[in-house]
N, C-alpha and C. Protein backbone atom coordinates (compact mmCIF):
# COMPACT_ATOMS: atom_id res chain seq x y z
N MET A 1 -45.07 92.15 -7.10
CA MET A 1 -45.05 92.08 -5.68
C MET A 1 -44.29 90.86 -5.19
N VAL A 2 -43.61 91.09 -4.13
CA VAL A 2 -42.84 90.01 -3.55
C VAL A 2 -43.66 89.37 -2.44
N VAL A 3 -43.80 88.05 -2.52
CA VAL A 3 -44.55 87.31 -1.49
C VAL A 3 -43.54 86.73 -0.49
N LEU A 4 -43.74 87.09 0.76
CA LEU A 4 -42.85 86.58 1.81
C LEU A 4 -43.33 85.22 2.26
N LYS A 5 -42.37 84.34 2.55
CA LYS A 5 -42.72 83.02 3.06
C LYS A 5 -43.09 83.13 4.52
N LYS A 6 -44.09 82.37 4.91
CA LYS A 6 -44.46 82.32 6.32
C LYS A 6 -43.56 81.32 7.03
N ILE A 7 -42.99 81.74 8.14
CA ILE A 7 -42.15 80.87 8.94
C ILE A 7 -42.99 80.37 10.11
N LYS A 8 -42.99 79.04 10.30
CA LYS A 8 -43.73 78.48 11.43
C LYS A 8 -42.93 78.77 12.70
N SER A 9 -43.61 79.31 13.68
CA SER A 9 -42.96 79.61 14.95
C SER A 9 -44.00 79.52 16.06
N ALA A 10 -43.52 79.58 17.28
CA ALA A 10 -44.41 79.51 18.43
C ALA A 10 -45.08 80.86 18.62
N THR A 11 -46.30 80.79 19.09
CA THR A 11 -47.01 82.03 19.37
C THR A 11 -46.53 82.59 20.69
N LEU A 12 -46.92 83.79 20.94
CA LEU A 12 -46.51 84.46 22.18
C LEU A 12 -47.05 83.72 23.40
N VAL A 13 -48.25 83.22 23.33
CA VAL A 13 -48.86 82.50 24.45
C VAL A 13 -48.07 81.22 24.74
N GLU A 14 -47.68 80.49 23.71
CA GLU A 14 -46.90 79.27 23.92
C GLU A 14 -45.55 79.58 24.56
N ALA A 15 -44.93 80.64 24.13
CA ALA A 15 -43.64 81.03 24.71
C ALA A 15 -43.80 81.42 26.18
N LEU A 16 -44.87 82.14 26.53
CA LEU A 16 -45.10 82.52 27.92
C LEU A 16 -45.37 81.29 28.79
N ILE A 17 -46.15 80.35 28.29
CA ILE A 17 -46.44 79.13 29.06
C ILE A 17 -45.16 78.34 29.30
N ALA A 18 -44.33 78.21 28.27
CA ALA A 18 -43.06 77.49 28.44
C ALA A 18 -42.17 78.19 29.45
N THR A 19 -42.13 79.50 29.41
CA THR A 19 -41.31 80.27 30.36
C THR A 19 -41.81 80.08 31.79
N VAL A 20 -43.12 80.13 31.98
CA VAL A 20 -43.70 79.95 33.32
C VAL A 20 -43.39 78.55 33.84
N LEU A 21 -43.51 77.53 33.00
CA LEU A 21 -43.21 76.17 33.43
C LEU A 21 -41.74 76.02 33.83
N ILE A 22 -40.85 76.61 33.07
CA ILE A 22 -39.43 76.54 33.40
C ILE A 22 -39.14 77.26 34.72
N VAL A 23 -39.75 78.40 34.93
CA VAL A 23 -39.56 79.14 36.19
C VAL A 23 -40.08 78.33 37.37
N ILE A 24 -41.22 77.69 37.22
CA ILE A 24 -41.78 76.88 38.32
C ILE A 24 -40.87 75.70 38.63
N ILE A 25 -40.33 75.05 37.62
CA ILE A 25 -39.43 73.92 37.84
C ILE A 25 -38.16 74.38 38.56
N PHE A 26 -37.59 75.50 38.15
CA PHE A 26 -36.40 76.02 38.84
C PHE A 26 -36.71 76.45 40.27
N LEU A 27 -37.87 76.98 40.51
CA LEU A 27 -38.26 77.38 41.86
C LEU A 27 -38.37 76.17 42.77
N ILE A 28 -39.02 75.12 42.31
CA ILE A 28 -39.15 73.90 43.11
C ILE A 28 -37.78 73.29 43.37
N ALA A 29 -36.95 73.25 42.34
CA ALA A 29 -35.60 72.68 42.51
C ALA A 29 -34.78 73.48 43.52
N SER A 30 -34.87 74.79 43.47
CA SER A 30 -34.09 75.60 44.42
C SER A 30 -34.60 75.42 45.84
N LEU A 31 -35.91 75.27 46.03
CA LEU A 31 -36.45 75.05 47.37
C LEU A 31 -36.01 73.70 47.93
N VAL A 32 -35.99 72.68 47.08
CA VAL A 32 -35.55 71.36 47.54
C VAL A 32 -34.07 71.39 47.92
N ILE A 33 -33.24 72.00 47.10
CA ILE A 33 -31.81 72.07 47.40
C ILE A 33 -31.56 72.89 48.67
N ASN A 34 -32.28 73.99 48.84
CA ASN A 34 -32.15 74.82 50.03
C ASN A 34 -32.52 74.01 51.28
N ASN A 35 -33.60 73.25 51.21
CA ASN A 35 -34.04 72.44 52.34
C ASN A 35 -33.00 71.37 52.69
N LEU A 36 -32.45 70.71 51.68
CA LEU A 36 -31.44 69.69 51.93
C LEU A 36 -30.19 70.27 52.58
N LEU A 37 -29.72 71.40 52.08
CA LEU A 37 -28.52 72.01 52.65
C LEU A 37 -28.77 72.52 54.06
N LEU A 38 -29.93 73.09 54.31
CA LEU A 38 -30.24 73.60 55.64
C LEU A 38 -30.30 72.46 56.64
N ASN A 39 -30.93 71.35 56.28
CA ASN A 39 -30.99 70.20 57.18
C ASN A 39 -29.61 69.61 57.42
N ASN A 40 -28.79 69.58 56.40
CA ASN A 40 -27.45 69.02 56.54
C ASN A 40 -26.61 69.85 57.50
N PHE A 41 -26.65 71.16 57.38
CA PHE A 41 -25.83 72.02 58.24
C PHE A 41 -26.38 72.11 59.66
N SER A 42 -27.69 72.06 59.82
CA SER A 42 -28.25 72.19 61.17
C SER A 42 -28.08 70.92 61.99
N LYS A 43 -27.93 69.78 61.35
CA LYS A 43 -27.78 68.53 62.08
C LYS A 43 -26.35 68.01 62.06
N ASN A 44 -25.42 68.87 61.76
CA ASN A 44 -24.02 68.46 61.73
C ASN A 44 -23.49 68.40 63.16
N THR A 45 -23.42 67.19 63.71
CA THR A 45 -22.99 67.01 65.10
C THR A 45 -21.73 66.17 65.20
N HIS A 46 -21.02 66.03 64.10
CA HIS A 46 -19.85 65.14 64.11
C HIS A 46 -18.78 65.59 65.11
N GLN A 47 -18.50 66.88 65.16
CA GLN A 47 -17.43 67.36 66.05
C GLN A 47 -17.77 67.14 67.51
N VAL A 48 -19.02 67.43 67.89
CA VAL A 48 -19.37 67.24 69.29
C VAL A 48 -19.45 65.76 69.65
N GLU A 49 -19.86 64.91 68.73
CA GLU A 49 -19.88 63.48 69.01
C GLU A 49 -18.46 62.94 69.19
N THR A 50 -17.52 63.45 68.42
CA THR A 50 -16.13 63.06 68.60
C THR A 50 -15.63 63.50 69.97
N HIS A 51 -16.00 64.71 70.38
CA HIS A 51 -15.59 65.20 71.71
C HIS A 51 -16.24 64.34 72.81
N LEU A 52 -17.48 63.93 72.62
CA LEU A 52 -18.14 63.08 73.61
C LEU A 52 -17.43 61.72 73.70
N ASN A 53 -16.96 61.21 72.59
CA ASN A 53 -16.20 59.95 72.61
C ASN A 53 -14.89 60.12 73.38
N GLU A 54 -14.26 61.29 73.22
CA GLU A 54 -13.03 61.56 73.98
C GLU A 54 -13.33 61.63 75.48
N LEU A 55 -14.45 62.28 75.83
CA LEU A 55 -14.83 62.36 77.24
C LEU A 55 -15.15 60.97 77.80
N GLU A 56 -15.79 60.14 76.99
CA GLU A 56 -16.09 58.78 77.43
C GLU A 56 -14.80 58.01 77.71
N TYR A 57 -13.82 58.19 76.86
CA TYR A 57 -12.52 57.55 77.07
C TYR A 57 -11.88 58.03 78.38
N GLN A 58 -11.98 59.34 78.64
CA GLN A 58 -11.40 59.89 79.86
C GLN A 58 -12.14 59.38 81.10
N ILE A 59 -13.44 59.18 80.98
CA ILE A 59 -14.20 58.64 82.11
C ILE A 59 -13.76 57.22 82.41
N GLN A 60 -13.61 56.42 81.36
CA GLN A 60 -13.23 55.02 81.55
C GLN A 60 -11.82 54.89 82.13
N ASN A 61 -10.98 55.89 81.92
CA ASN A 61 -9.62 55.86 82.47
C ASN A 61 -9.47 56.74 83.71
N ASN A 62 -10.59 57.11 84.30
CA ASN A 62 -10.63 57.89 85.56
C ASN A 62 -9.85 59.20 85.47
N GLU A 63 -9.94 59.88 84.35
CA GLU A 63 -9.28 61.18 84.19
C GLU A 63 -10.24 62.34 84.44
N ILE A 64 -11.53 62.04 84.58
CA ILE A 64 -12.55 63.08 84.82
C ILE A 64 -13.25 62.76 86.12
N HIS A 65 -13.44 63.79 86.94
CA HIS A 65 -14.16 63.63 88.19
C HIS A 65 -15.59 64.11 87.99
N LEU A 66 -16.54 63.29 88.42
CA LEU A 66 -17.96 63.59 88.20
C LEU A 66 -18.54 64.29 89.41
N PRO A 67 -19.52 65.10 89.24
CA PRO A 67 -20.19 65.58 88.04
C PRO A 67 -19.30 66.55 87.25
N TYR A 68 -19.51 66.60 85.95
CA TYR A 68 -18.65 67.35 85.05
C TYR A 68 -19.51 68.21 84.13
N GLN A 69 -19.08 69.46 83.90
CA GLN A 69 -19.79 70.36 82.98
C GLN A 69 -18.77 71.15 82.19
N GLU A 70 -19.11 71.39 80.92
CA GLU A 70 -18.27 72.25 80.10
C GLU A 70 -19.09 72.77 78.93
N VAL A 71 -18.57 73.81 78.29
CA VAL A 71 -19.17 74.35 77.07
C VAL A 71 -18.17 74.11 75.94
N TYR A 72 -18.64 73.43 74.89
CA TYR A 72 -17.77 73.09 73.76
C TYR A 72 -18.47 73.56 72.49
N GLU A 73 -17.97 74.61 71.88
CA GLU A 73 -18.52 75.16 70.64
C GLU A 73 -20.04 75.34 70.72
N ASP A 74 -20.50 76.08 71.68
CA ASP A 74 -21.92 76.37 71.93
C ASP A 74 -22.72 75.16 72.38
N TRP A 75 -22.10 74.04 72.65
CA TRP A 75 -22.77 72.87 73.20
C TRP A 75 -22.51 72.84 74.70
N GLU A 76 -23.56 72.66 75.48
CA GLU A 76 -23.42 72.50 76.93
C GLU A 76 -23.35 71.01 77.22
N ILE A 77 -22.22 70.57 77.74
CA ILE A 77 -22.00 69.15 77.99
C ILE A 77 -22.00 68.92 79.49
N THR A 78 -22.80 67.95 79.92
CA THR A 78 -22.84 67.57 81.33
C THR A 78 -22.68 66.06 81.43
N ILE A 79 -21.96 65.66 82.47
CA ILE A 79 -21.78 64.23 82.75
C ILE A 79 -22.12 64.03 84.23
N LYS A 80 -22.98 63.06 84.51
CA LYS A 80 -23.35 62.79 85.90
C LYS A 80 -23.62 61.30 86.08
N ARG A 81 -23.55 60.89 87.32
CA ARG A 81 -23.82 59.49 87.65
C ARG A 81 -25.33 59.32 87.81
N GLU A 82 -25.83 58.20 87.28
CA GLU A 82 -27.25 57.87 87.44
C GLU A 82 -27.39 56.37 87.59
N ALA A 83 -28.42 55.98 88.32
CA ALA A 83 -28.75 54.56 88.45
C ALA A 83 -29.97 54.29 87.59
N PHE A 84 -29.87 53.27 86.75
CA PHE A 84 -30.97 52.90 85.88
C PHE A 84 -31.17 51.40 85.99
N GLU A 85 -32.33 51.01 86.48
CA GLU A 85 -32.66 49.59 86.69
C GLU A 85 -31.58 48.92 87.53
N SER A 86 -31.24 49.52 88.63
CA SER A 86 -30.27 49.05 89.62
C SER A 86 -28.85 48.89 89.06
N ILE A 87 -28.58 49.50 87.91
CA ILE A 87 -27.22 49.51 87.36
C ILE A 87 -26.74 50.96 87.37
N GLU A 88 -25.62 51.19 88.06
CA GLU A 88 -25.10 52.55 88.11
C GLU A 88 -24.20 52.79 86.92
N GLY A 89 -24.30 53.97 86.36
CA GLY A 89 -23.47 54.34 85.22
C GLY A 89 -23.40 55.84 85.09
N GLN A 90 -22.83 56.30 84.01
CA GLN A 90 -22.73 57.72 83.75
C GLN A 90 -23.56 58.06 82.52
N VAL A 91 -24.13 59.26 82.55
CA VAL A 91 -24.90 59.76 81.42
C VAL A 91 -24.23 61.03 80.92
N ILE A 92 -23.90 61.03 79.65
CA ILE A 92 -23.32 62.21 79.01
C ILE A 92 -24.42 62.84 78.17
N SER A 93 -24.69 64.12 78.40
CA SER A 93 -25.71 64.80 77.59
C SER A 93 -25.12 66.09 77.04
N ALA A 94 -25.45 66.37 75.79
CA ALA A 94 -24.98 67.58 75.12
C ALA A 94 -26.19 68.32 74.57
N THR A 95 -26.31 69.61 74.89
CA THR A 95 -27.44 70.42 74.45
C THR A 95 -26.93 71.60 73.66
N TYR A 96 -27.55 71.84 72.51
CA TYR A 96 -27.15 72.95 71.64
C TYR A 96 -28.27 73.97 71.59
N LYS A 97 -28.06 75.12 72.20
CA LYS A 97 -29.02 76.22 72.21
C LYS A 97 -30.43 75.75 72.59
N ASN A 98 -30.48 74.92 73.62
CA ASN A 98 -31.74 74.39 74.17
C ASN A 98 -32.58 73.63 73.15
N LYS A 99 -31.96 73.11 72.08
CA LYS A 99 -32.71 72.38 71.07
C LYS A 99 -32.23 70.94 70.94
N ASN A 100 -31.10 70.78 70.29
CA ASN A 100 -30.60 69.44 70.01
C ASN A 100 -30.00 68.83 71.26
N VAL A 101 -30.38 67.59 71.53
CA VAL A 101 -29.85 66.90 72.69
C VAL A 101 -29.27 65.57 72.24
N ILE A 102 -28.05 65.33 72.66
CA ILE A 102 -27.40 64.04 72.41
C ILE A 102 -27.16 63.42 73.77
N LYS A 103 -27.65 62.22 73.98
CA LYS A 103 -27.43 61.53 75.25
C LYS A 103 -26.71 60.23 74.98
N LYS A 104 -25.80 59.93 75.88
CA LYS A 104 -25.02 58.72 75.76
C LYS A 104 -24.92 58.11 77.14
N ARG A 105 -25.12 56.83 77.25
CA ARG A 105 -25.06 56.16 78.54
C ARG A 105 -23.85 55.22 78.60
N ILE A 106 -23.10 55.34 79.68
CA ILE A 106 -21.94 54.48 79.89
C ILE A 106 -22.21 53.69 81.16
N ASN A 107 -22.29 52.40 81.04
CA ASN A 107 -22.53 51.56 82.22
C ASN A 107 -21.22 51.28 82.92
N ALA A 108 -21.32 51.20 84.24
CA ALA A 108 -20.13 50.91 85.04
C ALA A 108 -19.72 49.47 84.82
N LYS A 109 -18.42 49.24 84.84
CA LYS A 109 -17.91 47.87 84.69
C LYS A 109 -18.18 47.09 85.95
N GLU A 110 -18.60 45.84 85.78
CA GLU A 110 -18.90 45.01 86.96
C GLU A 110 -17.69 44.24 87.41
């Protein structure tokens, strides 16, 4: 009779536990990456902030007549005069789908 050598190997239970642990780690990693990418894309306001800087430049050079309103890439931009603590200036506000609001205050030169 031929005697076969026993090969040491992992049992089925050990293999299942290792597989479950690997799946859980990949699931957590994918959720974290998804959350980071979603936050990055939803808060990307660089283009509208650049446009607001251009509008601020135009205000300072008297190229825009107030009050001013426009829509820029789904952003509603309004510019109006306001007095704050007895200092008159302009307020630029940008609203994106009634959620994100960017406000910028430009004080009048004395």
